Amino acid sequence: MERLINYFKLLSDETRLRIMVLLYHNEFCVCQITGMTGIFQPNISKHLARLRDMGLVKDEKREQYSYYSLNIKDKLFEDILKKIVPNVEDYPILKSDIEKSKAAEKYIELTSMNK
């Protein structure tokens, strides 16, 4: 029961919810999440650490950056996110974050093609 309560505590924070929805779509480094959300880097890092401590995100070091991705092994939490993500149209801030993430993905693709 405690794990379920912790899930809802995590999701009750707007910043963590925004991070989880972004990571549902793709992996990102802290600087990308900062750029998409407009939230300061120390704040994003603090929330990512909390999500990592709960085992919901994992990080992978590449050169000087750490990239974060979802690490959801709990079916219930996965189902909760699957219910939220298709309804981002109802939540303007989540919709805006997703649109910015798609623009970031296009930029990443273009820069990697030019190398």
N, C-alpha and C. Protein backbone atom coordinates (compact mmCIF):
# COMPACT_ATOMS: atom_id res chain seq x y z
N MET A 1 0.83 -1.20 0.00
CA MET A 1 0.00 0.00 0.00
C MET A 1 0.87 1.26 0.00
N GLU A 2 1.99 1.22 0.71
CA GLU A 2 2.86 2.39 0.79
C GLU A 2 3.39 2.80 -0.58
N ARG A 3 3.72 1.82 -1.42
CA ARG A 3 4.22 2.13 -2.76
C ARG A 3 3.16 2.86 -3.58
N LEU A 4 1.92 2.44 -3.49
CA LEU A 4 0.83 3.10 -4.21
C LEU A 4 0.67 4.54 -3.74
N ILE A 5 0.73 4.76 -2.44
CA ILE A 5 0.62 6.11 -1.89
C ILE A 5 1.77 6.96 -2.41
N ASN A 6 2.97 6.39 -2.46
CA ASN A 6 4.14 7.13 -2.97
C ASN A 6 3.97 7.48 -4.44
N TYR A 7 3.38 6.60 -5.24
CA TYR A 7 3.11 6.92 -6.64
C TYR A 7 2.24 8.15 -6.76
N PHE A 8 1.17 8.16 -5.99
CA PHE A 8 0.26 9.30 -6.08
C PHE A 8 0.89 10.58 -5.52
N LYS A 9 1.75 10.45 -4.54
CA LYS A 9 2.48 11.63 -4.05
C LYS A 9 3.40 12.15 -5.16
N LEU A 10 4.07 11.24 -5.84
CA LEU A 10 4.94 11.66 -6.94
C LEU A 10 4.16 12.36 -8.03
N LEU A 11 3.03 11.80 -8.40
CA LEU A 11 2.22 12.38 -9.47
C LEU A 11 1.48 13.64 -9.04
N SER A 12 1.36 13.86 -7.75
CA SER A 12 0.64 15.05 -7.30
C SER A 12 1.47 16.32 -7.47
N ASP A 13 2.76 16.16 -7.76
CA ASP A 13 3.62 17.32 -8.00
C ASP A 13 3.64 17.60 -9.50
N GLU A 14 3.32 18.83 -9.88
CA GLU A 14 3.21 19.20 -11.29
C GLU A 14 4.52 18.97 -12.05
N THR A 15 5.63 19.36 -11.45
CA THR A 15 6.91 19.20 -12.15
C THR A 15 7.22 17.73 -12.42
N ARG A 16 7.03 16.88 -11.42
CA ARG A 16 7.31 15.45 -11.63
C ARG A 16 6.36 14.85 -12.65
N LEU A 17 5.12 15.25 -12.62
CA LEU A 17 4.17 14.75 -13.60
C LEU A 17 4.58 15.17 -15.01
N ARG A 18 5.00 16.41 -15.16
CA ARG A 18 5.45 16.90 -16.47
C ARG A 18 6.67 16.10 -16.94
N ILE A 19 7.61 15.85 -16.05
CA ILE A 19 8.79 15.07 -16.40
C ILE A 19 8.41 13.67 -16.83
N MET A 20 7.52 13.03 -16.09
CA MET A 20 7.10 11.66 -16.40
C MET A 20 6.42 11.59 -17.77
N VAL A 21 5.58 12.56 -18.07
CA VAL A 21 4.90 12.56 -19.37
C VAL A 21 5.91 12.78 -20.49
N LEU A 22 6.88 13.65 -20.30
CA LEU A 22 7.92 13.84 -21.32
C LEU A 22 8.72 12.56 -21.53
N LEU A 23 9.12 11.93 -20.42
CA LEU A 23 9.92 10.71 -20.54
C LEU A 23 9.11 9.54 -21.06
N TYR A 24 7.81 9.63 -20.99
CA TYR A 24 6.95 8.59 -21.57
C TYR A 24 7.16 8.55 -23.09
N HIS A 25 7.47 9.70 -23.67
CA HIS A 25 7.63 9.81 -25.12
C HIS A 25 9.05 9.57 -25.60
N ASN A 26 10.03 9.93 -24.79
CA ASN A 26 11.42 9.82 -25.25
C ASN A 26 12.34 9.98 -24.06
N GLU A 27 13.62 9.72 -24.27
CA GLU A 27 14.61 9.99 -23.23
C GLU A 27 15.17 11.38 -23.46
N PHE A 28 15.54 12.04 -22.37
CA PHE A 28 16.06 13.40 -22.46
C PHE A 28 17.12 13.62 -21.39
N CYS A 29 18.01 14.57 -21.65
CA CYS A 29 18.95 15.00 -20.62
C CYS A 29 18.31 16.14 -19.83
N VAL A 30 18.91 16.48 -18.72
CA VAL A 30 18.36 17.52 -17.86
C VAL A 30 18.21 18.85 -18.61
N CYS A 31 19.22 19.19 -19.42
CA CYS A 31 19.15 20.48 -20.12
C CYS A 31 17.98 20.52 -21.10
N GLN A 32 17.66 19.40 -21.73
CA GLN A 32 16.52 19.36 -22.64
C GLN A 32 15.21 19.52 -21.87
N ILE A 33 15.09 18.82 -20.75
CA ILE A 33 13.87 18.93 -19.93
C ILE A 33 13.72 20.36 -19.42
N THR A 34 14.83 20.96 -19.02
CA THR A 34 14.81 22.35 -18.57
C THR A 34 14.30 23.27 -19.68
N GLY A 35 14.81 23.07 -20.89
CA GLY A 35 14.39 23.90 -22.02
C GLY A 35 12.92 23.73 -22.38
N MET A 36 12.42 22.50 -22.28
CA MET A 36 11.03 22.25 -22.65
C MET A 36 10.05 22.75 -21.60
N THR A 37 10.43 22.65 -20.32
CA THR A 37 9.50 23.01 -19.26
C THR A 37 9.66 24.45 -18.77
N GLY A 38 10.86 25.02 -18.99
CA GLY A 38 11.13 26.36 -18.47
C GLY A 38 11.39 26.36 -16.97
N ILE A 39 11.64 25.20 -16.41
CA ILE A 39 11.92 25.07 -14.98
C ILE A 39 13.44 25.03 -14.80
N PHE A 40 13.94 25.68 -13.77
CA PHE A 40 15.38 25.75 -13.55
C PHE A 40 16.00 24.37 -13.35
N GLN A 41 17.24 24.24 -13.81
CA GLN A 41 17.96 22.97 -13.80
C GLN A 41 18.06 22.33 -12.42
N PRO A 42 18.40 23.07 -11.35
CA PRO A 42 18.48 22.41 -10.04
C PRO A 42 17.16 21.78 -9.61
N ASN A 43 16.07 22.44 -9.95
CA ASN A 43 14.74 21.91 -9.61
C ASN A 43 14.46 20.63 -10.39
N ILE A 44 14.75 20.62 -11.68
CA ILE A 44 14.56 19.43 -12.51
C ILE A 44 15.41 18.28 -11.98
N SER A 45 16.67 18.58 -11.67
CA SER A 45 17.58 17.54 -11.16
C SER A 45 17.08 16.95 -9.85
N LYS A 46 16.56 17.79 -8.98
CA LYS A 46 16.02 17.31 -7.70
C LYS A 46 14.86 16.35 -7.93
N HIS A 47 13.96 16.70 -8.84
CA HIS A 47 12.81 15.84 -9.11
C HIS A 47 13.24 14.54 -9.80
N LEU A 48 14.18 14.63 -10.71
CA LEU A 48 14.69 13.42 -11.37
C LEU A 48 15.34 12.48 -10.35
N ALA A 49 16.06 13.03 -9.40
CA ALA A 49 16.68 12.21 -8.35
C ALA A 49 15.61 11.49 -7.54
N ARG A 50 14.55 12.18 -7.23
CA ARG A 50 13.45 11.55 -6.46
C ARG A 50 12.80 10.43 -7.28
N LEU A 51 12.56 10.68 -8.56
CA LEU A 51 11.98 9.65 -9.43
C LEU A 51 12.93 8.47 -9.59
N ARG A 52 14.23 8.75 -9.66
CA ARG A 52 15.22 7.68 -9.78
C ARG A 52 15.27 6.86 -8.49
N ASP A 53 15.20 7.55 -7.35
CA ASP A 53 15.21 6.85 -6.06
C ASP A 53 14.01 5.91 -5.91
N MET A 54 12.91 6.28 -6.52
CA MET A 54 11.70 5.43 -6.49
C MET A 54 11.78 4.32 -7.54
N GLY A 55 12.80 4.37 -8.39
CA GLY A 55 12.97 3.36 -9.42
C GLY A 55 12.12 3.59 -10.66
N LEU A 56 11.59 4.81 -10.82
CA LEU A 56 10.70 5.10 -11.94
C LEU A 56 11.43 5.64 -13.16
N VAL A 57 12.63 6.16 -12.96
CA VAL A 57 13.45 6.59 -14.08
C VAL A 57 14.85 6.02 -13.89
N LYS A 58 15.53 5.88 -15.00
CA LYS A 58 16.93 5.46 -14.96
C LYS A 58 17.73 6.47 -15.75
N ASP A 59 19.01 6.53 -15.44
CA ASP A 59 19.86 7.46 -16.17
C ASP A 59 21.04 6.72 -16.78
N GLU A 60 21.50 7.27 -17.89
CA GLU A 60 22.63 6.70 -18.61
C GLU A 60 23.56 7.84 -18.98
N LYS A 61 24.80 7.71 -18.58
CA LYS A 61 25.79 8.74 -18.84
C LYS A 61 26.32 8.58 -20.26
N ARG A 62 26.27 9.66 -21.05
CA ARG A 62 26.83 9.71 -22.39
C ARG A 62 27.62 10.99 -22.52
N GLU A 63 28.93 10.81 -22.65
CA GLU A 63 29.85 11.95 -22.67
C GLU A 63 29.62 12.76 -21.40
N GLN A 64 29.32 14.06 -21.50
CA GLN A 64 29.15 14.87 -20.30
C GLN A 64 27.70 14.96 -19.82
N TYR A 65 26.78 14.28 -20.49
CA TYR A 65 25.36 14.38 -20.15
C TYR A 65 24.82 13.06 -19.59
N SER A 66 23.84 13.19 -18.72
CA SER A 66 23.08 12.03 -18.26
C SER A 66 21.72 12.08 -18.93
N TYR A 67 21.34 11.00 -19.58
CA TYR A 67 20.04 10.92 -20.23
C TYR A 67 19.11 10.08 -19.37
N TYR A 68 17.90 10.57 -19.21
CA TYR A 68 16.92 9.92 -18.36
C TYR A 68 15.82 9.28 -19.21
N SER A 69 15.37 8.14 -18.76
CA SER A 69 14.25 7.45 -19.42
C SER A 69 13.41 6.77 -18.35
N LEU A 70 12.19 6.42 -18.73
CA LEU A 70 11.31 5.73 -17.78
C LEU A 70 11.84 4.34 -17.49
N ASN A 71 11.57 3.88 -16.29
CA ASN A 71 11.96 2.55 -15.86
C ASN A 71 10.81 1.96 -15.05
N ILE A 72 9.68 1.88 -15.71
CA ILE A 72 8.47 1.45 -14.99
C ILE A 72 8.31 -0.06 -15.11
N LYS A 73 8.34 -0.70 -13.95
CA LYS A 73 8.17 -2.16 -13.92
C LYS A 73 6.85 -2.54 -13.25
N ASP A 74 6.18 -1.55 -12.72
CA ASP A 74 4.92 -1.78 -12.01
C ASP A 74 3.77 -1.53 -12.97
N LYS A 75 2.95 -2.54 -13.21
CA LYS A 75 1.85 -2.47 -14.17
C LYS A 75 0.85 -1.36 -13.81
N LEU A 76 0.57 -1.21 -12.55
CA LEU A 76 -0.40 -0.19 -12.13
C LEU A 76 0.09 1.21 -12.49
N PHE A 77 1.35 1.50 -12.20
CA PHE A 77 1.88 2.82 -12.51
C PHE A 77 1.94 3.04 -14.02
N GLU A 78 2.30 2.00 -14.75
CA GLU A 78 2.31 2.09 -16.21
C GLU A 78 0.91 2.39 -16.73
N ASP A 79 -0.09 1.73 -16.17
CA ASP A 79 -1.48 1.97 -16.58
C ASP A 79 -1.93 3.39 -16.27
N ILE A 80 -1.48 3.92 -15.13
CA ILE A 80 -1.84 5.29 -14.77
C ILE A 80 -1.29 6.25 -15.82
N LEU A 81 -0.03 6.08 -16.19
CA LEU A 81 0.56 6.96 -17.21
C LEU A 81 -0.13 6.79 -18.55
N LYS A 82 -0.48 5.56 -18.88
CA LYS A 82 -1.17 5.31 -20.16
C LYS A 82 -2.53 5.98 -20.21
N LYS A 83 -3.13 6.23 -19.07
CA LYS A 83 -4.41 6.93 -19.01
C LYS A 83 -4.21 8.44 -19.14
N ILE A 84 -3.10 8.94 -18.63
CA ILE A 84 -2.84 10.38 -18.66
C ILE A 84 -2.40 10.84 -20.05
N VAL A 85 -1.45 10.14 -20.63
CA VAL A 85 -0.80 10.58 -21.87
C VAL A 85 -1.77 10.81 -23.03
N PRO A 86 -2.71 9.91 -23.30
CA PRO A 86 -3.61 10.18 -24.44
C PRO A 86 -4.52 11.39 -24.23
N ASN A 87 -4.62 11.85 -23.00
CA ASN A 87 -5.52 12.97 -22.70
C ASN A 87 -4.79 14.28 -22.47
N VAL A 88 -3.56 14.41 -23.00
CA VAL A 88 -2.82 15.66 -22.78
C VAL A 88 -3.53 16.87 -23.38
N GLU A 89 -4.38 16.65 -24.36
CA GLU A 89 -5.14 17.76 -24.95
C GLU A 89 -5.96 18.49 -23.89
N ASP A 90 -6.33 17.78 -22.83
CA ASP A 90 -7.12 18.38 -21.75
C ASP A 90 -6.28 19.22 -20.80
N TYR A 91 -4.95 19.13 -20.92
CA TYR A 91 -4.04 19.79 -20.00
C TYR A 91 -3.04 20.64 -20.80
N PRO A 92 -3.31 21.93 -20.96
CA PRO A 92 -2.50 22.78 -21.83
C PRO A 92 -1.00 22.74 -21.55
N ILE A 93 -0.60 22.68 -20.29
CA ILE A 93 0.83 22.69 -19.99
C ILE A 93 1.49 21.39 -20.45
N LEU A 94 0.80 20.25 -20.29
CA LEU A 94 1.34 18.98 -20.77
C LEU A 94 1.38 18.96 -22.29
N LYS A 95 0.35 19.49 -22.90
CA LYS A 95 0.30 19.56 -24.36
C LYS A 95 1.46 20.40 -24.89
N SER A 96 1.72 21.53 -24.26
CA SER A 96 2.82 22.39 -24.67
C SER A 96 4.17 21.68 -24.51
N ASP A 97 4.35 20.97 -23.40
CA ASP A 97 5.59 20.23 -23.18
C ASP A 97 5.81 19.19 -24.28
N ILE A 98 4.74 18.47 -24.65
CA ILE A 98 4.85 17.43 -25.68
C ILE A 98 5.20 18.06 -27.03
N GLU A 99 4.57 19.19 -27.34
CA GLU A 99 4.87 19.87 -28.61
C GLU A 99 6.34 20.31 -28.65
N LYS A 100 6.84 20.82 -27.53
CA LYS A 100 8.24 21.22 -27.45
C LYS A 100 9.16 20.01 -27.57
N SER A 101 8.75 18.88 -27.00
CA SER A 101 9.59 17.68 -27.09
C SER A 101 9.66 17.17 -28.52
N LYS A 102 8.57 17.30 -29.25
CA LYS A 102 8.58 16.88 -30.66
C LYS A 102 9.49 17.78 -31.48
N ALA A 103 9.48 19.06 -31.17
CA ALA A 103 10.38 19.99 -31.86
C ALA A 103 11.84 19.66 -31.52
N ALA A 104 12.09 19.31 -30.27
CA ALA A 104 13.45 18.94 -29.85
C ALA A 104 13.91 17.66 -30.56
N GLU A 105 12.99 16.70 -30.72
CA GLU A 105 13.32 15.45 -31.41
C GLU A 105 13.70 15.73 -32.87
N LYS A 106 12.97 16.63 -33.52
CA LYS A 106 13.29 16.98 -34.90
C LYS A 106 14.66 17.63 -34.99
N TYR A 107 14.96 18.50 -34.04
CA TYR A 107 16.26 19.17 -34.01
C TYR A 107 17.38 18.14 -33.82
N ILE A 108 17.18 17.20 -32.92
CA ILE A 108 18.18 16.16 -32.65
C ILE A 108 18.41 15.33 -33.92
N GLU A 109 17.33 14.96 -34.60
CA GLU A 109 17.45 14.19 -35.84
C GLU A 109 18.23 14.97 -36.90
N LEU A 110 17.93 16.26 -37.04
CA LEU A 110 18.61 17.08 -38.05
C LEU A 110 20.09 17.23 -37.74
N THR A 111 20.42 17.46 -36.49
CA THR A 111 21.83 17.65 -36.15
C THR A 111 22.60 16.34 -36.29
N SER A 112 21.99 15.21 -35.98
CA SER A 112 22.69 13.93 -36.13
C SER A 112 22.87 13.55 -37.59
N MET A 113 21.97 14.02 -38.46
CA MET A 113 22.09 13.74 -39.89
C MET A 113 23.21 14.57 -40.51
N ASN A 114 23.49 15.74 -39.92
CA ASN A 114 24.51 16.63 -40.46
C ASN A 114 25.92 16.28 -40.00
N LYS A 115 26.06 15.28 -39.17
CA LYS A 115 27.39 14.90 -38.68
C LYS A 115 28.09 13.99 -39.65
